[in-house]
Amino acid sequence: MKEEKKYIIIIYMAYKKKPKSIKITIRENKPRALRKEEIELFKTHSKHHSKKHIEEMKKFIRSGKGCFSDSHKHAMRKIGK
């Protein structure tokens, strides 16, 4: 089982003397299959984008690197429309 990474972000407020700290837990995504909702989204998304773009997005999601919007940003940078 992977350990969750914990980060402490310190926010400095101009009107306060002491900094505020917030604990944020970031979970790493695991490799997974596409969900039903994502498959439906790909059907409409594929009308506006190339097959390479769609395949790159699917590969990105399956590898567990991020969600639909993250995969779209990645595919736009790497392949384009």
Protein backbone atom coordinates (compact mmCIF):
# COMPACT_ATOMS: atom_id res chain seq x y z
CA MET A 1 0.00 0.00 0.00
CA LYS A 2 1.37 3.38 -0.99
CA GLU A 3 1.80 6.07 1.60
CA GLU A 4 -0.11 9.28 1.11
CA LYS A 5 2.03 12.35 0.67
CA LYS A 6 1.28 15.14 3.10
CA TYR A 7 2.18 18.73 2.48
CA ILE A 8 1.93 21.71 4.76
CA ILE A 9 1.16 24.95 3.03
CA ILE A 10 1.84 28.14 4.93
CA ILE A 11 -0.32 31.09 4.04
CA TYR A 12 0.91 34.51 5.08
CA MET A 13 -1.82 36.99 5.68
CA ALA A 14 -0.97 40.68 5.46
CA TYR A 15 -3.16 41.68 8.38
CA LYS A 16 -2.07 38.88 10.78
CA LYS A 17 1.25 38.50 12.48
CA LYS A 18 1.33 34.68 12.66
CA PRO A 19 1.25 32.56 9.50
CA LYS A 20 -1.63 30.14 9.06
CA SER A 21 -0.77 26.56 8.14
CA ILE A 22 -3.07 24.13 6.36
CA LYS A 23 -2.48 20.40 5.97
CA ILE A 24 -3.36 18.97 2.57
CA THR A 25 -3.34 15.28 1.71
CA ILE A 26 -2.61 14.45 -1.91
CA ARG A 27 -3.48 10.96 -3.11
CA GLU A 28 -1.75 9.39 -6.05
CA ASN A 29 -4.08 8.01 -8.69
CA LYS A 30 -3.90 4.30 -9.40
CA PRO A 31 -4.08 2.71 -12.86
CA ARG A 32 -7.72 1.97 -13.61
CA ALA A 33 -10.26 1.27 -16.33
CA LEU A 34 -12.40 3.95 -17.92
CA ARG A 35 -15.71 4.70 -16.21
CA LYS A 36 -19.10 4.69 -17.95
CA GLU A 37 -19.35 8.48 -17.72
CA GLU A 38 -15.93 8.92 -19.31
CA ILE A 39 -16.81 6.61 -22.20
CA GLU A 40 -19.91 8.73 -22.85
CA LEU A 41 -17.81 11.89 -22.70
CA PHE A 42 -15.35 10.45 -25.21
CA LYS A 43 -18.18 9.84 -27.70
CA THR A 44 -19.03 13.55 -27.81
CA HIS A 45 -15.42 14.66 -27.37
CA SER A 46 -14.26 12.62 -30.38
CA LYS A 47 -16.42 14.73 -32.72
CA HIS A 48 -14.12 17.70 -32.09
CA HIS A 49 -10.73 15.97 -31.72
CA SER A 50 -8.54 13.53 -33.64
CA LYS A 51 -8.25 9.82 -32.93
CA LYS A 52 -4.65 10.30 -31.71
CA HIS A 53 -5.85 12.92 -29.24
CA ILE A 54 -8.56 10.61 -27.86
CA GLU A 55 -6.20 7.62 -27.59
CA GLU A 56 -3.64 9.74 -25.71
CA MET A 57 -6.34 10.86 -23.29
CA LYS A 58 -7.47 7.26 -22.68
CA LYS A 59 -3.88 6.13 -22.12
CA PHE A 60 -3.35 8.97 -19.63
CA ILE A 61 -6.47 8.06 -17.62
CA ARG A 62 -5.78 4.31 -17.65
CA SER A 63 -2.25 4.87 -16.36
CA GLY A 64 -3.69 6.72 -13.36
CA LYS A 65 -2.05 10.07 -13.99
CA GLY A 66 -5.21 12.14 -13.72
CA CYS A 67 -8.85 12.76 -14.56
CA PHE A 68 -10.61 13.66 -17.83
CA SER A 69 -9.69 17.35 -17.78
CA ASP A 70 -6.05 16.59 -16.85
CA SER A 71 -5.82 14.11 -19.70
CA HIS A 72 -7.27 16.66 -22.14
CA LYS A 73 -4.68 19.27 -21.16
CA HIS A 74 -1.92 16.68 -21.54
CA ALA A 75 -3.16 15.55 -24.97
CA MET A 76 -3.51 19.15 -26.19
CA ARG A 77 0.09 19.89 -25.23
CA LYS A 78 1.50 16.65 -26.62
CA ILE A 79 -0.58 16.00 -29.76
CA GLY A 80 -2.86 18.98 -30.32
CA LYS A 81 -6.40 18.89 -31.61
